[in-house]
Amino acid sequence: MEENIGTVTVAPEVLLALIRLTAIATPGVAHLSTENPDGVHRLFSGKASEGIQLQIEDHTVWIDLFVVAEPDAQMLLLGQTLQREISRAIQDVVGMPVKEINVHIDDVADRRASGSM
């Protein structure tokens, strides 16, 4: 039997950091997008960080993630992998359910800029 001895609060910044770390550790992601999300995404009430729009409502998480892919990444597979890994990270580490993760692949990294040819 669990005893309730108080509350546990996780700051939205912790979720943003977890999302960021999970995304950049995913093969095929060059980096998070530096572009600000467009107006539609700014309508959400919630927190934003470079490349991430986060909404929390009733202890449930909604995410819009904006990434730049590596040149050789398979886009659909990359998006699905990001959805799965970020959802798993939030549920396993923080214990919050994830309602939706929308992955926006904004660009493809320039192969010459990364030093590999």
N, C-alpha and C. Protein backbone atom coordinates (compact mmCIF):
# COMPACT_ATOMS: atom_id res chain seq x y z
N MET A 1 0.84 -1.18 0.00
CA MET A 1 0.00 0.00 0.00
C MET A 1 0.88 1.25 0.00
N GLU A 2 0.62 2.16 -0.94
CA GLU A 2 1.40 3.38 -1.04
C GLU A 2 0.88 4.42 -0.06
N GLU A 3 1.78 5.11 0.56
CA GLU A 3 1.44 6.16 1.48
C GLU A 3 1.73 7.50 0.81
N ASN A 4 0.76 8.41 0.80
CA ASN A 4 0.95 9.73 0.22
C ASN A 4 1.51 10.65 1.29
N ILE A 5 2.78 11.01 1.14
CA ILE A 5 3.42 11.85 2.14
C ILE A 5 3.71 13.25 1.60
N GLY A 6 3.18 13.58 0.45
CA GLY A 6 3.40 14.90 -0.13
C GLY A 6 3.25 14.85 -1.64
N THR A 7 3.74 15.88 -2.29
CA THR A 7 3.64 15.95 -3.75
C THR A 7 5.02 15.92 -4.39
N VAL A 8 5.02 15.55 -5.65
CA VAL A 8 6.24 15.60 -6.45
C VAL A 8 5.92 16.50 -7.64
N THR A 9 6.75 17.49 -7.84
CA THR A 9 6.55 18.42 -8.94
C THR A 9 7.77 18.37 -9.85
N VAL A 10 7.53 18.23 -11.15
CA VAL A 10 8.60 18.25 -12.14
C VAL A 10 8.43 19.51 -12.97
N ALA A 11 9.44 20.35 -12.99
CA ALA A 11 9.38 21.60 -13.74
C ALA A 11 9.34 21.32 -15.24
N PRO A 12 8.61 22.14 -15.99
CA PRO A 12 8.59 21.97 -17.45
C PRO A 12 9.98 22.00 -18.06
N GLU A 13 10.91 22.74 -17.47
CA GLU A 13 12.27 22.81 -17.98
C GLU A 13 12.96 21.44 -17.93
N VAL A 14 12.57 20.62 -16.96
CA VAL A 14 13.12 19.27 -16.87
C VAL A 14 12.64 18.44 -18.06
N LEU A 15 11.37 18.57 -18.40
CA LEU A 15 10.84 17.87 -19.57
C LEU A 15 11.52 18.35 -20.84
N LEU A 16 11.70 19.67 -20.96
CA LEU A 16 12.37 20.21 -22.15
C LEU A 16 13.79 19.64 -22.28
N ALA A 17 14.51 19.57 -21.16
CA ALA A 17 15.87 19.03 -21.19
C ALA A 17 15.86 17.56 -21.58
N LEU A 18 14.92 16.80 -21.04
CA LEU A 18 14.81 15.38 -21.36
C LEU A 18 14.49 15.17 -22.85
N ILE A 19 13.58 15.97 -23.37
CA ILE A 19 13.22 15.88 -24.79
C ILE A 19 14.43 16.23 -25.65
N ARG A 20 15.12 17.32 -25.31
CA ARG A 20 16.29 17.77 -26.07
C ARG A 20 17.38 16.69 -26.08
N LEU A 21 17.70 16.16 -24.91
CA LEU A 21 18.77 15.15 -24.81
C LEU A 21 18.41 13.88 -25.58
N THR A 22 17.15 13.46 -25.48
CA THR A 22 16.70 12.26 -26.19
C THR A 22 16.75 12.48 -27.70
N ALA A 23 16.31 13.65 -28.14
CA ALA A 23 16.28 13.94 -29.58
C ALA A 23 17.69 13.97 -30.17
N ILE A 24 18.62 14.69 -29.53
CA ILE A 24 19.96 14.81 -30.13
C ILE A 24 20.75 13.50 -30.02
N ALA A 25 20.33 12.60 -29.13
CA ALA A 25 20.99 11.30 -29.04
C ALA A 25 20.44 10.30 -30.05
N THR A 26 19.39 10.68 -30.76
CA THR A 26 18.76 9.78 -31.73
C THR A 26 19.53 9.83 -33.05
N PRO A 27 20.02 8.67 -33.53
CA PRO A 27 20.73 8.65 -34.81
C PRO A 27 19.87 9.22 -35.94
N GLY A 28 20.47 10.08 -36.74
CA GLY A 28 19.75 10.71 -37.84
C GLY A 28 19.38 12.16 -37.56
N VAL A 29 19.48 12.58 -36.29
CA VAL A 29 19.21 13.97 -35.94
C VAL A 29 20.53 14.73 -35.93
N ALA A 30 20.64 15.75 -36.78
CA ALA A 30 21.83 16.59 -36.80
C ALA A 30 21.80 17.53 -35.60
N HIS A 31 20.67 18.19 -35.41
CA HIS A 31 20.46 19.09 -34.28
C HIS A 31 19.01 19.53 -34.26
N LEU A 32 18.61 20.20 -33.18
CA LEU A 32 17.27 20.75 -33.12
C LEU A 32 17.23 21.99 -33.99
N SER A 33 16.08 22.29 -34.52
CA SER A 33 15.93 23.44 -35.39
C SER A 33 16.10 24.72 -34.60
N THR A 34 16.77 25.69 -35.19
CA THR A 34 16.94 26.99 -34.52
C THR A 34 15.84 27.96 -34.93
N GLU A 35 15.01 27.53 -35.86
CA GLU A 35 13.89 28.37 -36.28
C GLU A 35 12.83 28.36 -35.19
N ASN A 36 12.21 29.51 -34.98
CA ASN A 36 11.11 29.56 -34.03
C ASN A 36 9.90 28.89 -34.65
N PRO A 37 9.14 28.13 -33.84
CA PRO A 37 7.92 27.52 -34.37
C PRO A 37 7.00 28.59 -34.95
N ASP A 38 6.26 28.22 -35.99
CA ASP A 38 5.37 29.20 -36.61
C ASP A 38 4.20 29.55 -35.69
N GLY A 39 3.38 30.50 -36.13
CA GLY A 39 2.30 31.03 -35.31
C GLY A 39 1.33 30.01 -34.78
N VAL A 40 1.05 28.99 -35.54
CA VAL A 40 0.11 27.96 -35.09
C VAL A 40 0.60 27.34 -33.79
N HIS A 41 1.89 27.06 -33.71
CA HIS A 41 2.43 26.41 -32.53
C HIS A 41 2.54 27.37 -31.35
N ARG A 42 2.64 28.66 -31.61
CA ARG A 42 2.71 29.62 -30.52
C ARG A 42 1.37 29.79 -29.85
N LEU A 43 0.29 29.32 -30.45
CA LEU A 43 -1.03 29.43 -29.83
C LEU A 43 -1.17 28.51 -28.63
N PHE A 44 -0.36 27.45 -28.57
CA PHE A 44 -0.41 26.55 -27.44
C PHE A 44 0.03 27.29 -26.18
N SER A 45 -0.66 27.02 -25.09
CA SER A 45 -0.16 27.54 -23.82
C SER A 45 0.82 26.51 -23.30
N GLY A 46 1.98 26.93 -22.97
CA GLY A 46 2.98 25.99 -22.50
C GLY A 46 4.36 26.58 -22.59
N LYS A 47 5.34 25.74 -22.50
CA LYS A 47 6.73 26.16 -22.52
C LYS A 47 7.33 25.89 -23.89
N ALA A 48 8.32 26.69 -24.24
CA ALA A 48 9.02 26.48 -25.50
C ALA A 48 10.52 26.59 -25.26
N SER A 49 11.25 25.85 -26.03
CA SER A 49 12.69 25.91 -26.02
C SER A 49 13.11 25.78 -27.48
N GLU A 50 14.35 26.05 -27.77
CA GLU A 50 14.81 25.96 -29.15
C GLU A 50 14.45 24.61 -29.73
N GLY A 51 13.58 24.60 -30.74
CA GLY A 51 13.21 23.38 -31.42
C GLY A 51 12.14 22.55 -30.73
N ILE A 52 11.62 23.01 -29.59
CA ILE A 52 10.63 22.24 -28.84
C ILE A 52 9.49 23.13 -28.40
N GLN A 53 8.27 22.69 -28.63
CA GLN A 53 7.08 23.34 -28.09
C GLN A 53 6.41 22.30 -27.20
N LEU A 54 6.16 22.65 -25.95
CA LEU A 54 5.66 21.71 -24.95
C LEU A 54 4.38 22.24 -24.34
N GLN A 55 3.39 21.37 -24.24
CA GLN A 55 2.14 21.71 -23.56
C GLN A 55 1.85 20.62 -22.54
N ILE A 56 1.50 21.03 -21.33
CA ILE A 56 1.13 20.09 -20.28
C ILE A 56 -0.26 20.46 -19.81
N GLU A 57 -1.15 19.49 -19.85
CA GLU A 57 -2.53 19.72 -19.41
C GLU A 57 -3.01 18.47 -18.71
N ASP A 58 -3.53 18.62 -17.50
CA ASP A 58 -4.01 17.48 -16.70
C ASP A 58 -2.93 16.40 -16.58
N HIS A 59 -1.69 16.81 -16.34
CA HIS A 59 -0.55 15.90 -16.17
C HIS A 59 -0.27 15.06 -17.41
N THR A 60 -0.71 15.53 -18.57
CA THR A 60 -0.47 14.85 -19.84
C THR A 60 0.34 15.79 -20.74
N VAL A 61 1.23 15.22 -21.54
CA VAL A 61 2.19 15.99 -22.33
C VAL A 61 1.86 15.94 -23.82
N TRP A 62 1.94 17.11 -24.46
CA TRP A 62 1.87 17.26 -25.91
C TRP A 62 3.15 17.93 -26.35
N ILE A 63 3.75 17.45 -27.43
CA ILE A 63 5.05 17.98 -27.88
C ILE A 63 5.03 18.23 -29.38
N ASP A 64 5.60 19.36 -29.78
CA ASP A 64 5.97 19.61 -31.16
C ASP A 64 7.48 19.74 -31.17
N LEU A 65 8.14 18.90 -31.96
CA LEU A 65 9.59 18.85 -32.02
C LEU A 65 10.04 19.23 -33.42
N PHE A 66 10.99 20.17 -33.51
CA PHE A 66 11.48 20.66 -34.78
C PHE A 66 12.95 20.29 -34.89
N VAL A 67 13.29 19.45 -35.87
CA VAL A 67 14.65 18.96 -36.00
C VAL A 67 15.22 19.19 -37.39
N VAL A 68 16.55 19.14 -37.45
CA VAL A 68 17.28 19.11 -38.72
C VAL A 68 17.88 17.71 -38.81
N ALA A 69 17.59 17.03 -39.92
CA ALA A 69 18.02 15.65 -40.09
C ALA A 69 19.40 15.57 -40.73
N GLU A 70 20.08 14.46 -40.47
CA GLU A 70 21.32 14.15 -41.17
C GLU A 70 20.98 13.85 -42.63
N PRO A 71 21.90 14.10 -43.56
CA PRO A 71 21.61 13.91 -44.99
C PRO A 71 21.18 12.49 -45.36
N ASP A 72 21.68 11.48 -44.66
CA ASP A 72 21.37 10.11 -45.03
C ASP A 72 20.22 9.51 -44.21
N ALA A 73 19.54 10.31 -43.41
CA ALA A 73 18.46 9.80 -42.57
C ALA A 73 17.22 9.46 -43.40
N GLN A 74 16.57 8.39 -43.03
CA GLN A 74 15.27 8.05 -43.61
C GLN A 74 14.22 8.81 -42.81
N MET A 75 13.59 9.80 -43.42
CA MET A 75 12.77 10.77 -42.71
C MET A 75 11.61 10.16 -41.92
N LEU A 76 10.82 9.29 -42.54
CA LEU A 76 9.69 8.70 -41.84
C LEU A 76 10.15 7.87 -40.66
N LEU A 77 11.17 7.05 -40.86
CA LEU A 77 11.71 6.23 -39.79
C LEU A 77 12.28 7.10 -38.66
N LEU A 78 12.95 8.19 -39.02
CA LEU A 78 13.49 9.11 -38.02
C LEU A 78 12.37 9.70 -37.17
N GLY A 79 11.32 10.16 -37.81
CA GLY A 79 10.19 10.74 -37.08
C GLY A 79 9.55 9.73 -36.13
N GLN A 80 9.34 8.52 -36.60
CA GLN A 80 8.74 7.48 -35.77
C GLN A 80 9.65 7.10 -34.61
N THR A 81 10.95 7.04 -34.85
CA THR A 81 11.91 6.72 -33.80
C THR A 81 11.90 7.81 -32.74
N LEU A 82 11.88 9.06 -33.16
CA LEU A 82 11.83 10.17 -32.21
C LEU A 82 10.56 10.11 -31.36
N GLN A 83 9.43 9.84 -31.99
CA GLN A 83 8.17 9.72 -31.24
C GLN A 83 8.27 8.63 -30.18
N ARG A 84 8.77 7.49 -30.58
CA ARG A 84 8.86 6.34 -29.66
C ARG A 84 9.84 6.60 -28.52
N GLU A 85 11.05 7.10 -28.85
CA GLU A 85 12.08 7.29 -27.84
C GLU A 85 11.73 8.41 -26.86
N ILE A 86 11.18 9.50 -27.35
CA ILE A 86 10.81 10.61 -26.46
C ILE A 86 9.64 10.21 -25.58
N SER A 87 8.66 9.52 -26.15
CA SER A 87 7.53 9.04 -25.35
C SER A 87 8.01 8.11 -24.25
N ARG A 88 8.87 7.18 -24.59
CA ARG A 88 9.41 6.23 -23.62
C ARG A 88 10.20 6.96 -22.53
N ALA A 89 11.03 7.92 -22.91
CA ALA A 89 11.84 8.66 -21.94
C ALA A 89 10.95 9.41 -20.94
N ILE A 90 9.94 10.08 -21.43
CA ILE A 90 9.07 10.84 -20.53
C ILE A 90 8.28 9.91 -19.62
N GLN A 91 7.76 8.83 -20.17
CA GLN A 91 6.99 7.90 -19.35
C GLN A 91 7.87 7.18 -18.34
N ASP A 92 9.07 6.76 -18.75
CA ASP A 92 9.96 6.00 -17.85
C ASP A 92 10.63 6.89 -16.80
N VAL A 93 11.09 8.06 -17.20
CA VAL A 93 11.86 8.91 -16.30
C VAL A 93 10.95 9.78 -15.43
N VAL A 94 9.92 10.35 -16.03
CA VAL A 94 9.07 11.30 -15.31
C VAL A 94 7.75 10.66 -14.87
N GLY A 95 7.29 9.64 -15.58
CA GLY A 95 6.05 8.98 -15.22
C GLY A 95 4.80 9.69 -15.71
N MET A 96 4.95 10.57 -16.69
CA MET A 96 3.79 11.28 -17.23
C MET A 96 3.37 10.66 -18.56
N PRO A 97 2.05 10.56 -18.78
CA PRO A 97 1.61 10.05 -20.09
C PRO A 97 1.82 11.09 -21.18
N VAL A 98 2.12 10.60 -22.38
CA VAL A 98 2.32 11.45 -23.54
C VAL A 98 1.14 11.26 -24.48
N LYS A 99 0.43 12.34 -24.76
CA LYS A 99 -0.74 12.28 -25.63
C LYS A 99 -0.34 12.36 -27.10
N GLU A 100 0.64 13.25 -27.40
CA GLU A 100 0.96 13.48 -28.81
C GLU A 100 2.37 14.01 -28.95
N ILE A 101 3.09 13.49 -29.95
CA ILE A 101 4.40 14.04 -30.32
C ILE A 101 4.38 14.25 -31.83
N ASN A 102 4.43 15.51 -32.23
CA ASN A 102 4.48 15.86 -33.64
C ASN A 102 5.92 16.21 -33.98
N VAL A 103 6.49 15.48 -34.92
CA VAL A 103 7.87 15.71 -35.33
C VAL A 103 7.86 16.48 -36.65
N HIS A 104 8.55 17.60 -36.66
CA HIS A 104 8.65 18.45 -37.85
C HIS A 104 10.12 18.43 -38.29
N ILE A 105 10.38 17.86 -39.45
CA ILE A 105 11.74 17.85 -39.98
C ILE A 105 11.85 19.10 -40.84
N ASP A 106 12.52 20.11 -40.27
CA ASP A 106 12.58 21.43 -40.90
C ASP A 106 13.60 21.54 -42.01
N ASP A 107 14.65 20.71 -41.95
CA ASP A 107 15.73 20.87 -42.91
C ASP A 107 16.60 19.62 -42.87
N VAL A 108 17.52 19.56 -43.80
CA VAL A 108 18.53 18.51 -43.83
C VAL A 108 19.88 19.19 -43.69
N ALA A 109 20.71 18.68 -42.81
CA ALA A 109 22.03 19.28 -42.57
C ALA A 109 22.87 19.24 -43.83
N ASP A 110 23.68 20.24 -44.01
CA ASP A 110 24.60 20.31 -45.14
C ASP A 110 25.76 19.37 -44.87
N ARG A 111 25.93 18.38 -45.72
CA ARG A 111 26.97 17.38 -45.54
C ARG A 111 28.36 18.03 -45.48
N ARG A 112 28.58 19.08 -46.26
CA ARG A 112 29.89 19.75 -46.27
C ARG A 112 30.16 20.48 -44.95
N ALA A 113 29.11 21.02 -44.33
CA ALA A 113 29.30 21.75 -43.07
C ALA A 113 29.68 20.81 -41.93
N SER A 114 29.22 19.55 -42.00
CA SER A 114 29.51 18.61 -40.91
C SER A 114 30.90 17.98 -41.08
N GLY A 115 31.55 18.25 -42.19
CA GLY A 115 32.92 17.76 -42.38
C GLY A 115 33.01 16.42 -43.05
N SER A 116 31.88 15.77 -43.34
CA SER A 116 31.94 14.46 -44.00
C SER A 116 31.54 14.61 -45.46
N MET A 117 32.32 14.04 -46.33
CA MET A 117 32.01 14.13 -47.76
C MET A 117 32.03 12.77 -48.38
